[in-house]
Amino acid sequence: MMEVIRNSVRLTGVAGIDPVIVSFPTNKRIARVSLAVNEFYKSTSGEPINQTQWFNLVFWNKKVELVENIVKKGCLITIEGKLNTQSYTDKKGEQRFNTEIVVNNLELVVN
């Protein structure tokens, strides 16, 4: 029997911007938020290092209302979702890739 492989991401970080919300004529809505996730570790010489990774989050339809009401720049949130990568050709004819996390679940982390 083969194991089921899932495209699943879970991150906790700080919202880098207030949500950017777009409404479409079809009554669909999308919200975009950048998420900063800090990783702390020590270098081989023992020096502490703080590295920040940035992730692009996408929320669709009913989740947009939740994002509008609770997510603001600086909020600590936990998300669960899946990676979605799209490719396109830029004006110079070069192939580019854009990776986003389509969020299924959002939790506000209270300190």
N, C-alpha and C. Protein backbone atom coordinates (compact mmCIF):
# COMPACT_ATOMS: atom_id res chain seq x y z
N MET A 1 0.84 -1.18 0.00
CA MET A 1 0.00 0.00 0.00
C MET A 1 0.88 1.24 0.00
N MET A 2 0.54 2.20 -0.82
CA MET A 2 1.33 3.42 -0.95
C MET A 2 0.84 4.48 0.04
N GLU A 3 1.79 5.19 0.64
CA GLU A 3 1.42 6.28 1.56
C GLU A 3 0.86 7.46 0.79
N VAL A 4 -0.05 8.18 1.41
CA VAL A 4 -0.59 9.39 0.81
C VAL A 4 0.39 10.53 1.07
N ILE A 5 0.76 11.22 0.03
CA ILE A 5 1.68 12.35 0.15
C ILE A 5 0.86 13.62 0.00
N ARG A 6 1.01 14.53 0.97
CA ARG A 6 0.23 15.77 0.96
C ARG A 6 1.12 16.97 0.77
N ASN A 7 0.59 17.96 0.12
CA ASN A 7 1.21 19.26 0.00
C ASN A 7 0.69 20.07 1.19
N SER A 8 1.48 20.15 2.25
CA SER A 8 1.00 20.79 3.48
C SER A 8 2.10 21.63 4.11
N VAL A 9 1.71 22.84 4.52
CA VAL A 9 2.63 23.77 5.15
C VAL A 9 1.99 24.32 6.42
N ARG A 10 2.76 24.42 7.49
CA ARG A 10 2.30 25.05 8.73
C ARG A 10 3.41 25.98 9.20
N LEU A 11 3.06 27.26 9.36
CA LEU A 11 4.03 28.27 9.76
C LEU A 11 3.45 29.19 10.84
N THR A 12 4.32 29.67 11.69
CA THR A 12 3.96 30.71 12.66
C THR A 12 4.93 31.87 12.43
N GLY A 13 4.37 33.06 12.28
CA GLY A 13 5.21 34.22 12.04
C GLY A 13 4.42 35.50 12.22
N VAL A 14 5.03 36.60 11.79
CA VAL A 14 4.47 37.93 11.96
C VAL A 14 4.03 38.48 10.61
N ALA A 15 2.81 39.01 10.57
CA ALA A 15 2.31 39.63 9.34
C ALA A 15 3.16 40.86 9.02
N GLY A 16 3.70 40.88 7.81
CA GLY A 16 4.59 41.98 7.42
C GLY A 16 3.86 43.19 6.89
N ILE A 17 2.59 43.00 6.49
CA ILE A 17 1.78 44.11 5.96
C ILE A 17 0.33 43.88 6.38
N ASP A 18 -0.45 44.96 6.33
CA ASP A 18 -1.90 44.80 6.45
C ASP A 18 -2.37 44.04 5.21
N PRO A 19 -3.45 43.28 5.30
CA PRO A 19 -3.92 42.53 4.15
C PRO A 19 -4.25 43.44 2.96
N VAL A 20 -3.87 42.97 1.78
CA VAL A 20 -4.23 43.64 0.53
C VAL A 20 -5.38 42.82 -0.06
N ILE A 21 -6.53 43.45 -0.20
CA ILE A 21 -7.74 42.74 -0.59
C ILE A 21 -8.22 43.21 -1.96
N VAL A 22 -8.56 42.23 -2.81
CA VAL A 22 -9.06 42.53 -4.15
C VAL A 22 -10.39 41.81 -4.32
N SER A 23 -11.36 42.53 -4.85
CA SER A 23 -12.67 41.94 -5.16
C SER A 23 -12.80 41.81 -6.67
N PHE A 24 -13.40 40.70 -7.12
CA PHE A 24 -13.59 40.44 -8.53
C PHE A 24 -15.07 40.61 -8.88
N PRO A 25 -15.39 40.89 -10.15
CA PRO A 25 -16.79 41.05 -10.55
C PRO A 25 -17.65 39.80 -10.29
N THR A 26 -17.01 38.65 -10.16
CA THR A 26 -17.75 37.40 -9.93
C THR A 26 -18.07 37.19 -8.46
N ASN A 27 -17.90 38.22 -7.64
CA ASN A 27 -18.12 38.18 -6.18
C ASN A 27 -17.08 37.37 -5.43
N LYS A 28 -16.00 36.97 -6.09
CA LYS A 28 -14.89 36.32 -5.39
C LYS A 28 -13.97 37.39 -4.86
N ARG A 29 -13.32 37.07 -3.74
CA ARG A 29 -12.37 38.02 -3.14
C ARG A 29 -11.09 37.27 -2.79
N ILE A 30 -9.99 38.01 -2.78
CA ILE A 30 -8.70 37.46 -2.42
C ILE A 30 -8.00 38.43 -1.49
N ALA A 31 -7.29 37.90 -0.51
CA ALA A 31 -6.46 38.72 0.38
C ALA A 31 -5.04 38.19 0.31
N ARG A 32 -4.09 39.11 0.28
CA ARG A 32 -2.67 38.74 0.27
C ARG A 32 -2.00 39.36 1.49
N VAL A 33 -1.14 38.56 2.12
CA VAL A 33 -0.38 39.01 3.29
C VAL A 33 1.02 38.41 3.19
N SER A 34 2.04 39.17 3.54
CA SER A 34 3.38 38.60 3.64
C SER A 34 3.60 38.18 5.09
N LEU A 35 4.30 37.07 5.28
CA LEU A 35 4.54 36.52 6.61
C LEU A 35 6.04 36.39 6.83
N ALA A 36 6.53 36.97 7.92
CA ALA A 36 7.94 36.87 8.30
C ALA A 36 8.08 35.77 9.36
N VAL A 37 8.94 34.79 9.07
CA VAL A 37 9.20 33.70 10.01
C VAL A 37 10.67 33.75 10.38
N ASN A 38 10.94 33.89 11.67
CA ASN A 38 12.31 33.99 12.15
C ASN A 38 12.83 32.62 12.57
N GLU A 39 14.08 32.37 12.22
CA GLU A 39 14.76 31.15 12.62
C GLU A 39 16.02 31.55 13.36
N PHE A 40 16.18 31.02 14.56
CA PHE A 40 17.35 31.33 15.38
C PHE A 40 18.22 30.09 15.47
N TYR A 41 19.52 30.27 15.24
CA TYR A 41 20.46 29.16 15.39
C TYR A 41 21.85 29.73 15.62
N LYS A 42 22.81 28.85 15.88
CA LYS A 42 24.19 29.28 16.09
C LYS A 42 25.04 28.83 14.91
N SER A 43 25.97 29.70 14.51
CA SER A 43 26.88 29.36 13.43
C SER A 43 27.89 28.33 13.93
N THR A 44 28.71 27.84 13.04
CA THR A 44 29.72 26.85 13.44
C THR A 44 30.70 27.42 14.46
N SER A 45 30.84 28.74 14.48
CA SER A 45 31.73 29.38 15.46
C SER A 45 31.00 29.72 16.76
N GLY A 46 29.70 29.38 16.84
CA GLY A 46 28.93 29.62 18.06
C GLY A 46 28.23 30.97 18.10
N GLU A 47 28.34 31.73 17.02
CA GLU A 47 27.71 33.05 16.96
C GLU A 47 26.20 32.90 16.72
N PRO A 48 25.36 33.59 17.53
CA PRO A 48 23.91 33.49 17.31
C PRO A 48 23.50 34.18 16.01
N ILE A 49 22.62 33.53 15.27
CA ILE A 49 22.16 34.08 13.99
C ILE A 49 20.63 34.07 13.99
N ASN A 50 20.07 35.20 13.55
CA ASN A 50 18.62 35.33 13.37
C ASN A 50 18.39 35.51 11.88
N GLN A 51 17.74 34.53 11.26
CA GLN A 51 17.47 34.59 9.83
C GLN A 51 15.95 34.69 9.62
N THR A 52 15.53 35.66 8.81
CA THR A 52 14.12 35.84 8.52
C THR A 52 13.80 35.36 7.12
N GLN A 53 12.79 34.50 7.02
CA GLN A 53 12.28 34.04 5.73
C GLN A 53 10.92 34.72 5.51
N TRP A 54 10.67 35.14 4.27
CA TRP A 54 9.40 35.78 3.93
C TRP A 54 8.57 34.86 3.06
N PHE A 55 7.27 34.76 3.37
CA PHE A 55 6.35 33.91 2.63
C PHE A 55 5.15 34.74 2.18
N ASN A 56 4.68 34.48 0.97
CA ASN A 56 3.49 35.15 0.44
C ASN A 56 2.28 34.27 0.71
N LEU A 57 1.31 34.83 1.42
CA LEU A 57 0.09 34.10 1.77
C LEU A 57 -1.07 34.58 0.93
N VAL A 58 -1.97 33.64 0.56
CA VAL A 58 -3.16 33.96 -0.21
C VAL A 58 -4.36 33.37 0.51
N PHE A 59 -5.39 34.19 0.68
CA PHE A 59 -6.65 33.77 1.31
C PHE A 59 -7.76 34.02 0.30
N TRP A 60 -8.68 33.06 0.15
CA TRP A 60 -9.78 33.19 -0.80
C TRP A 60 -11.13 33.24 -0.11
N ASN A 61 -12.05 33.96 -0.71
CA ASN A 61 -13.48 33.97 -0.40
C ASN A 61 -13.80 34.18 1.08
N LYS A 62 -14.40 33.20 1.77
CA LYS A 62 -14.84 33.39 3.16
C LYS A 62 -13.69 33.69 4.11
N LYS A 63 -12.50 33.21 3.80
CA LYS A 63 -11.35 33.47 4.68
C LYS A 63 -10.91 34.93 4.62
N VAL A 64 -11.28 35.61 3.53
CA VAL A 64 -10.92 37.03 3.38
C VAL A 64 -11.55 37.86 4.49
N GLU A 65 -12.80 37.59 4.82
CA GLU A 65 -13.48 38.34 5.89
C GLU A 65 -12.76 38.14 7.22
N LEU A 66 -12.34 36.92 7.50
CA LEU A 66 -11.60 36.63 8.72
C LEU A 66 -10.29 37.41 8.75
N VAL A 67 -9.59 37.42 7.63
CA VAL A 67 -8.32 38.15 7.53
C VAL A 67 -8.54 39.63 7.74
N GLU A 68 -9.59 40.18 7.12
CA GLU A 68 -9.91 41.62 7.27
C GLU A 68 -10.11 41.99 8.72
N ASN A 69 -10.73 41.09 9.49
CA ASN A 69 -11.10 41.40 10.86
C ASN A 69 -9.99 41.17 11.88
N ILE A 70 -9.07 40.25 11.61
CA ILE A 70 -8.09 39.96 12.67
C ILE A 70 -6.63 40.18 12.32
N VAL A 71 -6.28 40.21 11.04
CA VAL A 71 -4.86 40.33 10.68
C VAL A 71 -4.50 41.77 10.39
N LYS A 72 -3.49 42.24 11.09
CA LYS A 72 -2.92 43.57 10.87
C LYS A 72 -1.39 43.41 10.88
N LYS A 73 -0.70 44.35 10.29
CA LYS A 73 0.76 44.31 10.29
C LYS A 73 1.25 44.15 11.73
N GLY A 74 2.16 43.20 11.95
CA GLY A 74 2.72 42.97 13.28
C GLY A 74 2.04 41.88 14.07
N CYS A 75 0.88 41.39 13.62
CA CYS A 75 0.17 40.31 14.32
C CYS A 75 0.95 39.00 14.19
N LEU A 76 0.96 38.24 15.27
CA LEU A 76 1.55 36.91 15.26
C LEU A 76 0.45 35.92 14.90
N ILE A 77 0.65 35.19 13.80
CA ILE A 77 -0.36 34.24 13.34
C ILE A 77 0.27 32.89 13.01
N THR A 78 -0.56 31.87 13.07
CA THR A 78 -0.19 30.53 12.60
C THR A 78 -1.11 30.20 11.45
N ILE A 79 -0.52 29.69 10.36
CA ILE A 79 -1.32 29.32 9.20
C ILE A 79 -1.05 27.87 8.82
N GLU A 80 -2.03 27.28 8.19
CA GLU A 80 -1.87 25.98 7.54
C GLU A 80 -2.39 26.13 6.14
N GLY A 81 -1.69 25.53 5.19
CA GLY A 81 -2.11 25.63 3.82
C GLY A 81 -1.30 24.75 2.92
N LYS A 82 -1.29 25.09 1.63
CA LYS A 82 -0.52 24.31 0.67
C LYS A 82 0.28 25.24 -0.23
N LEU A 83 1.43 24.75 -0.68
CA LEU A 83 2.27 25.52 -1.60
C LEU A 83 1.66 25.50 -2.99
N ASN A 84 1.72 26.65 -3.64
CA ASN A 84 1.23 26.77 -5.01
C ASN A 84 2.26 27.57 -5.79
N THR A 85 2.88 26.95 -6.80
CA THR A 85 3.89 27.62 -7.61
C THR A 85 3.35 27.82 -9.01
N GLN A 86 3.51 29.04 -9.51
CA GLN A 86 3.09 29.39 -10.87
C GLN A 86 4.30 29.89 -11.63
N SER A 87 4.34 29.64 -12.91
CA SER A 87 5.43 30.16 -13.74
C SER A 87 4.86 31.10 -14.79
N TYR A 88 5.69 32.05 -15.20
CA TYR A 88 5.30 32.99 -16.25
C TYR A 88 6.56 33.49 -16.94
N THR A 89 6.37 34.10 -18.10
CA THR A 89 7.48 34.66 -18.85
C THR A 89 7.42 36.18 -18.71
N ASP A 90 8.54 36.78 -18.25
CA ASP A 90 8.55 38.23 -18.03
C ASP A 90 8.76 38.97 -19.36
N LYS A 91 8.83 40.29 -19.30
CA LYS A 91 8.94 41.13 -20.50
C LYS A 91 10.24 40.87 -21.26
N LYS A 92 11.26 40.38 -20.56
CA LYS A 92 12.55 40.09 -21.21
C LYS A 92 12.59 38.68 -21.79
N GLY A 93 11.48 37.95 -21.66
CA GLY A 93 11.43 36.60 -22.19
C GLY A 93 11.99 35.53 -21.25
N GLU A 94 12.28 35.92 -20.01
CA GLU A 94 12.83 34.98 -19.03
C GLU A 94 11.71 34.33 -18.23
N GLN A 95 11.86 33.04 -17.96
CA GLN A 95 10.85 32.33 -17.18
C GLN A 95 11.05 32.65 -15.70
N ARG A 96 9.96 33.01 -15.05
CA ARG A 96 9.96 33.36 -13.62
C ARG A 96 9.00 32.45 -12.89
N PHE A 97 9.24 32.30 -11.60
CA PHE A 97 8.37 31.48 -10.76
C PHE A 97 7.89 32.28 -9.57
N ASN A 98 6.67 32.04 -9.16
CA ASN A 98 6.09 32.69 -7.99
C ASN A 98 5.48 31.61 -7.11
N THR A 99 5.95 31.52 -5.87
CA THR A 99 5.42 30.53 -4.94
C THR A 99 4.65 31.23 -3.84
N GLU A 100 3.43 30.76 -3.61
CA GLU A 100 2.56 31.30 -2.57
C GLU A 100 2.05 30.15 -1.71
N ILE A 101 1.56 30.51 -0.55
CA ILE A 101 0.88 29.53 0.29
C ILE A 101 -0.60 29.88 0.29
N VAL A 102 -1.42 28.95 -0.21
CA VAL A 102 -2.87 29.12 -0.20
C VAL A 102 -3.33 28.63 1.17
N VAL A 103 -3.84 29.55 1.98
CA VAL A 103 -4.14 29.26 3.38
C VAL A 103 -5.51 28.62 3.54
N ASN A 104 -5.53 27.50 4.29
CA ASN A 104 -6.77 26.80 4.62
C ASN A 104 -7.23 27.12 6.04
N ASN A 105 -6.27 27.39 6.92
CA ASN A 105 -6.59 27.60 8.34
C ASN A 105 -5.72 28.73 8.87
N LEU A 106 -6.31 29.59 9.67
CA LEU A 106 -5.63 30.74 10.25
C LEU A 106 -5.94 30.83 11.73
N GLU A 107 -4.91 31.04 12.54
CA GLU A 107 -5.08 31.23 13.98
C GLU A 107 -4.30 32.45 14.41
N LEU A 108 -4.92 33.30 15.19
CA LEU A 108 -4.25 34.44 15.80
C LEU A 108 -3.56 33.94 17.06
N VAL A 109 -2.26 34.19 17.18
CA VAL A 109 -1.51 33.75 18.36
C VAL A 109 -1.47 34.90 19.35
N VAL A 110 -1.96 34.65 20.55
CA VAL A 110 -2.00 35.68 21.58
C VAL A 110 -0.82 35.47 22.52
N ASN A 111 -0.03 36.52 22.69
CA ASN A 111 1.14 36.43 23.59
C ASN A 111 0.73 36.71 25.02
